[in-house]
Amino acid sequence: MMNSVTFPGGTHLPALGMGTWALGDRAERRAQEIASLRLGLDMGLRVVDTAEMYGAGRSERLVGEAIAGRRDEVFLVTKILPSNASRAGVAASCRASLRRLGTDRIDLYLLHWRGAVPLEETVGAFEQLKKEGLIGAWGVSNFDIGDLDDLANVAAPDSCAANQILYSLDYRGVEFDLLEADRRRAIVTMAYSPLGQGGDLLRQPVLQRIAGEYETSLGPATPAQVALAWVLRQPGMLAIPKAGSPQHQRENVAATELVLTQHDLEAIDRSIPPPRRKVPLAMI
C-alpha cells in the first residue's frame, strides 16, 4: 500500500509524485513523456511537479498538455525563480505559469530557492495569490534550517505547506536536522532527485544485494526501487522522481510495494553512513 502525506489544511496525497525536470526539452521524446505522466495518473499518482525554470517554460507546457482534461485528478506544483519573487514579479510569473499549464489554478506554488528579494515581500505576494484563488497553497524549495527560521519571522504559522529539497542516499545531510525541523513545523518535505545523480549510487553493492532479496509485481526488484523505497520510508516525505517513459513510471510505482526491514536499513547505513554533524544543504 502506498504511503500518504498530509498537507496543512488536511489535503491527503500519495507519497509518490512525478517530477518533470528536463521533460519537454527534446521534441522526439515528447509523446513518450506525456504518456508517462498520464500513466502515472492512471496508476493513482496525483502530484505533478514542474517549474518555470525547467526548459524556460517547456516543462510547464508539456505538463499542461499531459493533464488536459484531467486537471481535477492532479495536485499541481510549480516553482518561481527567486529573481521573479518580488510582489509584481510573483503576480506576473504565476499568471505566465498558469497560461503555460493551461489551468486557472496552481495547487502549490514554491519559491525555487532563496534570493535577494526579502522573504516578507514574497510571502505577501503569495498570500495575495491565495486570496485571488490563483494558488491553493505556497511553500519553499532548497531552504535550510536558518532559512526556515527567517521565514517563520515573516509568515503566519502553518502557512508554508512544503519544503522541496534534495534528498537521496547520495545526499543524506538533511537527516541531521532539517527533516525533523520540517516535521516540527508541519511542513511536507518533498524529495527531488530521490534516485541520486548518475549511476554510481545504483551500482552500490548493498543496494544490489537487497534488491536481489525482493520481488515486485513487475518481477525482481531493482537497486533504483530499493533507493526510492528508502526515501519513501520517511514519515511526511513526498518523493518526486522523474520518469521519462511509461516503463520507468511503472518501475517507480512498483517501488512502493517494497517495505525495507530494519536489517536492510542497518546494512545501508553501514555502507552509506548517515550524517554525524551539520552539513550545508546540497542543491542541484
Protein backbone atom coordinates (compact mmCIF):
# COMPACT_ATOMS: atom_id res chain seq x y z
CA MET A 1 0.00 0.00 0.00
CA MET A 2 1.35 3.41 -0.95
CA ASN A 3 2.18 5.79 1.89
CA SER A 4 0.48 9.17 2.01
CA VAL A 5 1.32 12.66 3.22
CA THR A 6 -0.94 15.31 4.71
CA PHE A 7 -0.53 18.99 3.93
CA PRO A 8 -1.57 21.81 6.25
CA GLY A 9 -5.28 22.17 5.68
CA GLY A 10 -5.83 18.42 5.53
CA THR A 11 -5.11 17.53 1.90
CA HIS A 12 -4.03 13.86 1.73
CA LEU A 13 -1.89 12.76 -1.19
CA PRO A 14 0.10 9.68 -2.24
CA ALA A 15 3.71 9.98 -1.06
CA LEU A 16 4.98 9.25 -4.57
CA GLY A 17 4.65 12.00 -7.15
CA MET A 18 6.09 12.82 -10.55
CA GLY A 19 8.96 15.21 -11.26
CA THR A 20 9.46 16.81 -14.67
CA TRP A 21 12.92 18.35 -14.69
CA ALA A 22 14.27 18.14 -18.29
CA LEU A 23 10.95 16.81 -19.61
CA GLY A 24 9.89 18.72 -22.71
CA ASP A 25 13.45 19.51 -23.78
CA ARG A 26 13.53 17.09 -26.72
CA ALA A 27 10.75 17.01 -29.30
CA GLU A 28 11.32 13.36 -30.20
CA ARG A 29 10.62 12.32 -26.59
CA ARG A 30 7.54 14.46 -26.09
CA ALA A 31 4.88 11.82 -26.80
CA GLN A 32 6.61 9.28 -24.55
CA GLU A 33 6.98 11.79 -21.70
CA ILE A 34 3.32 12.78 -21.91
CA ALA A 35 2.34 9.11 -21.93
CA SER A 36 4.45 8.57 -18.81
CA LEU A 37 2.70 11.35 -16.90
CA ARG A 38 -0.74 10.13 -17.97
CA LEU A 39 0.12 6.58 -16.95
CA GLY A 40 1.17 7.85 -13.54
CA LEU A 41 -2.28 9.40 -13.11
CA ASP A 42 -3.87 6.14 -14.26
CA MET A 43 -1.87 4.32 -11.58
CA GLY A 44 -3.06 6.61 -8.80
CA LEU A 45 -0.31 9.23 -8.59
CA ARG A 46 -1.56 12.77 -8.13
CA VAL A 47 1.35 15.15 -7.58
CA VAL A 48 2.97 16.60 -10.71
CA ASP A 49 5.89 18.94 -10.02
CA THR A 50 7.38 21.40 -12.50
CA ALA A 51 8.93 24.88 -12.54
CA GLU A 52 9.05 27.98 -14.71
CA MET A 53 12.82 27.45 -14.94
CA TYR A 54 12.61 23.95 -16.43
CA GLY A 55 13.33 24.34 -20.13
CA ALA A 56 12.37 28.04 -19.90
CA GLY A 57 8.72 27.00 -19.67
CA ARG A 58 8.83 23.92 -21.90
CA SER A 59 8.21 21.58 -18.97
CA GLU A 60 5.14 23.52 -17.86
CA ARG A 61 3.74 23.42 -21.39
CA LEU A 62 4.30 19.65 -21.58
CA VAL A 63 2.60 19.17 -18.22
CA GLY A 64 -0.32 21.28 -19.41
CA GLU A 65 -0.76 19.03 -22.42
CA ALA A 66 -0.42 15.86 -20.32
CA ILE A 67 -3.08 16.87 -17.80
CA ALA A 68 -5.53 18.42 -20.27
CA GLY A 69 -8.98 17.05 -19.49
CA ARG A 70 -7.72 15.53 -16.23
CA ARG A 71 -6.99 18.63 -14.18
CA ASP A 72 -9.13 17.56 -11.22
CA GLU A 73 -7.01 14.40 -10.81
CA VAL A 74 -3.82 16.41 -10.35
CA PHE A 75 -2.22 18.20 -7.42
CA LEU A 76 -0.20 20.65 -9.50
CA VAL A 77 3.06 22.11 -8.19
CA THR A 78 5.27 24.67 -9.89
CA LYS A 79 8.07 26.95 -8.78
CA ILE A 80 9.05 30.57 -9.27
CA LEU A 81 12.62 31.75 -9.75
CA PRO A 82 13.95 33.93 -6.90
CA SER A 83 14.76 36.67 -9.41
CA ASN A 84 11.00 36.93 -10.09
CA ALA A 85 9.92 36.79 -6.46
CA SER A 86 9.11 40.49 -5.96
CA ARG A 87 5.47 41.50 -5.42
CA ALA A 88 4.96 42.41 -9.08
CA GLY A 89 7.16 39.56 -10.30
CA VAL A 90 5.22 36.92 -8.39
CA ALA A 91 1.95 38.10 -9.91
CA ALA A 92 3.37 38.12 -13.44
CA SER A 93 5.21 34.79 -13.14
CA CYS A 94 2.22 33.00 -11.65
CA ARG A 95 -0.05 34.12 -14.47
CA ALA A 96 2.54 33.13 -17.07
CA SER A 97 2.81 29.67 -15.50
CA LEU A 98 -0.97 29.34 -15.48
CA ARG A 99 -1.07 30.10 -19.21
CA ARG A 100 1.63 27.55 -19.99
CA LEU A 101 -0.06 24.93 -17.80
CA GLY A 102 -3.46 25.61 -19.33
CA THR A 103 -5.20 25.95 -15.98
CA ASP A 104 -6.76 28.58 -13.74
CA ARG A 105 -5.10 27.47 -10.52
CA ILE A 106 -1.88 26.04 -9.09
CA ASP A 107 -2.30 23.83 -6.05
CA LEU A 108 1.15 24.51 -4.57
CA TYR A 109 3.44 27.39 -5.60
CA LEU A 110 7.05 27.24 -4.42
CA LEU A 111 9.91 29.74 -4.21
CA HIS A 112 12.59 27.75 -6.07
CA TRP A 113 15.38 28.91 -3.79
CA ARG A 114 16.10 31.92 -1.64
CA GLY A 115 17.29 35.02 -3.47
CA ALA A 116 17.75 38.74 -2.91
CA VAL A 117 14.07 39.68 -2.64
CA PRO A 118 13.03 39.98 1.02
CA LEU A 119 11.05 36.97 2.16
CA GLU A 120 8.35 39.22 3.60
CA GLU A 121 7.67 40.65 0.14
CA THR A 122 7.49 37.23 -1.49
CA VAL A 123 5.24 35.83 1.24
CA GLY A 124 2.92 38.81 0.91
CA ALA A 125 2.68 38.24 -2.83
CA PHE A 126 1.98 34.52 -2.31
CA GLU A 127 -0.78 35.32 0.17
CA GLN A 128 -2.33 37.70 -2.36
CA LEU A 129 -2.37 34.91 -4.96
CA LYS A 130 -4.21 32.72 -2.44
CA LYS A 131 -6.81 35.45 -1.88
CA GLU A 132 -7.32 35.67 -5.64
CA GLY A 133 -7.75 31.91 -5.91
CA LEU A 134 -4.80 31.51 -8.29
CA ILE A 135 -2.94 29.19 -5.90
CA GLY A 136 -4.16 26.86 -3.20
CA ALA A 137 -1.04 26.94 -1.03
CA TRP A 138 2.56 28.09 -1.13
CA GLY A 139 5.89 26.77 0.04
CA VAL A 140 9.61 26.92 -0.49
CA SER A 141 12.40 24.88 -2.03
CA ASN A 142 16.04 24.46 -1.02
CA PHE A 143 15.51 26.09 2.39
CA ASP A 144 17.81 25.06 5.23
CA ILE A 145 17.27 25.49 8.97
CA GLY A 146 18.29 29.15 9.07
CA ASP A 147 16.10 29.97 6.07
CA LEU A 148 13.10 28.35 7.75
CA ASP A 149 13.78 30.34 10.91
CA ASP A 150 13.85 33.56 8.89
CA LEU A 151 10.65 32.55 7.11
CA ALA A 152 8.91 31.91 10.43
CA ASN A 153 9.61 35.53 11.39
CA VAL A 154 7.60 36.89 8.43
CA ALA A 155 4.96 34.21 7.76
CA ALA A 156 2.00 33.04 9.80
CA PRO A 157 2.31 29.64 11.47
CA ASP A 158 1.27 26.74 9.20
CA SER A 159 1.24 28.98 6.12
CA CYS A 160 4.25 27.32 4.47
CA ALA A 161 2.98 23.98 3.16
CA ALA A 162 6.16 22.36 1.80
CA ASN A 163 9.93 22.47 1.55
CA GLN A 164 11.28 20.78 -1.59
CA ILE A 165 14.87 19.64 -1.08
CA LEU A 166 17.50 17.34 -2.49
CA TYR A 167 17.29 14.05 -0.62
CA SER A 168 18.61 10.65 -1.61
CA LEU A 169 21.16 8.13 -0.45
CA ASP A 170 23.69 10.36 -2.23
CA TYR A 171 22.63 13.35 -0.14
CA ARG A 172 21.75 12.42 3.44
CA GLY A 173 22.86 15.62 5.14
CA VAL A 174 19.28 16.77 5.79
CA GLU A 175 18.75 13.83 8.14
CA PHE A 176 20.86 15.59 10.76
CA ASP A 177 18.30 18.32 11.48
CA LEU A 178 16.27 19.58 8.51
CA LEU A 179 13.84 16.68 8.15
CA GLU A 180 12.87 16.94 11.80
CA ALA A 181 12.60 20.75 11.52
CA ASP A 182 10.13 20.37 8.66
CA ARG A 183 8.08 17.84 10.65
CA ARG A 184 8.07 20.09 13.70
CA ARG A 185 6.60 22.89 11.60
CA ALA A 186 4.08 20.53 9.91
CA ILE A 187 5.82 21.17 6.57
CA VAL A 188 5.72 18.39 4.00
CA THR A 189 9.22 17.57 2.76
CA MET A 190 9.36 16.99 -0.99
CA ALA A 191 12.42 15.00 -2.11
CA TYR A 192 13.70 15.88 -5.55
CA SER A 193 16.21 13.61 -7.35
CA PRO A 194 15.47 10.79 -4.85
CA LEU A 195 17.39 8.29 -7.01
CA GLY A 196 20.60 10.27 -6.77
CA GLN A 197 22.82 11.58 -9.53
CA GLY A 198 24.25 9.36 -12.22
CA GLY A 199 24.60 5.61 -11.96
CA ASP A 200 27.21 5.33 -9.22
CA LEU A 201 24.66 5.13 -6.41
CA LEU A 202 22.66 2.40 -8.09
CA ARG A 203 25.79 0.31 -8.53
CA GLN A 204 26.34 0.18 -4.77
CA PRO A 205 26.69 -3.50 -3.78
CA VAL A 206 24.41 -3.07 -0.78
CA LEU A 207 21.53 -1.91 -2.97
CA GLN A 208 22.14 -4.67 -5.48
CA ARG A 209 22.18 -7.28 -2.70
CA ILE A 210 18.98 -6.00 -1.08
CA ALA A 211 17.22 -5.77 -4.46
CA GLY A 212 18.05 -9.41 -5.05
CA GLU A 213 16.00 -10.34 -1.99
CA TYR A 214 12.74 -8.74 -3.14
CA GLU A 215 10.13 -9.15 -5.85
CA THR A 216 7.59 -6.60 -7.10
CA SER A 217 4.56 -7.02 -9.34
CA LEU A 218 6.91 -6.32 -12.26
CA GLY A 219 9.40 -9.01 -11.28
CA PRO A 220 12.73 -8.88 -9.39
CA ALA A 221 13.32 -5.60 -7.57
CA THR A 222 16.00 -3.21 -8.83
CA PRO A 223 18.54 -1.10 -6.93
CA ALA A 224 16.63 2.00 -8.08
CA GLN A 225 13.46 0.69 -6.49
CA VAL A 226 15.30 0.00 -3.25
CA ALA A 227 16.74 3.52 -3.26
CA LEU A 228 13.29 5.01 -3.84
CA ALA A 229 11.68 2.83 -1.17
CA TRP A 230 14.41 4.01 1.22
CA VAL A 231 13.39 7.66 0.65
CA LEU A 232 9.68 6.90 0.90
CA ARG A 233 10.12 5.24 4.29
CA GLN A 234 10.48 8.68 5.91
CA PRO A 235 7.28 9.97 7.53
CA GLY A 236 5.92 13.12 5.94
CA MET A 237 8.06 12.61 2.83
CA LEU A 238 6.78 13.11 -0.72
CA ALA A 239 9.23 11.89 -3.38
CA ILE A 240 9.06 13.25 -6.93
CA PRO A 241 11.30 11.13 -9.18
CA LYS A 242 11.28 11.84 -12.89
CA ALA A 243 10.08 9.11 -15.27
CA GLY A 244 10.53 9.89 -18.94
CA SER A 245 8.87 6.70 -20.18
CA PRO A 246 5.85 4.59 -19.21
CA GLN A 247 8.08 1.67 -18.26
CA HIS A 248 10.12 3.86 -15.92
CA GLN A 249 6.88 5.15 -14.40
CA ARG A 250 5.71 1.57 -13.74
CA GLU A 251 9.03 0.79 -12.06
CA ASN A 252 8.72 3.84 -9.80
CA VAL A 253 5.20 2.91 -8.75
CA ALA A 254 6.25 -0.70 -8.11
CA ALA A 255 8.89 0.61 -5.67
CA THR A 256 6.03 1.47 -3.30
CA GLU A 257 5.48 -2.28 -2.86
CA LEU A 258 8.82 -2.64 -1.07
CA VAL A 259 8.95 -2.46 2.72
CA LEU A 260 12.57 -2.43 3.82
CA THR A 261 13.36 -4.22 7.06
CA GLN A 262 15.39 -2.86 9.94
CA HIS A 263 18.14 -5.25 8.84
CA ASP A 264 18.08 -3.67 5.36
CA LEU A 265 18.25 -0.16 6.78
CA GLU A 266 21.16 -1.03 9.05
CA ALA A 267 23.05 -2.57 6.13
CA ILE A 268 22.50 0.59 4.10
CA ASP A 269 23.70 2.76 6.99
CA ARG A 270 26.89 0.75 7.25
CA SER A 271 27.64 1.21 3.54
CA ILE A 272 26.27 4.74 3.12
CA PRO A 273 26.51 6.31 6.57
CA PRO A 274 24.08 8.95 7.83
CA PRO A 275 25.46 12.38 8.78
CA ARG A 276 27.09 12.83 12.16
CA ARG A 277 27.20 16.64 12.06
CA LYS A 278 25.50 19.55 10.37
CA VAL A 279 26.41 19.99 6.69
CA PRO A 280 25.28 22.74 4.30
CA LEU A 281 22.14 21.96 2.37
CA ALA A 282 23.05 20.49 -1.02
CA MET A 283 21.42 21.78 -4.20
CA ILE A 284 21.48 20.77 -7.85
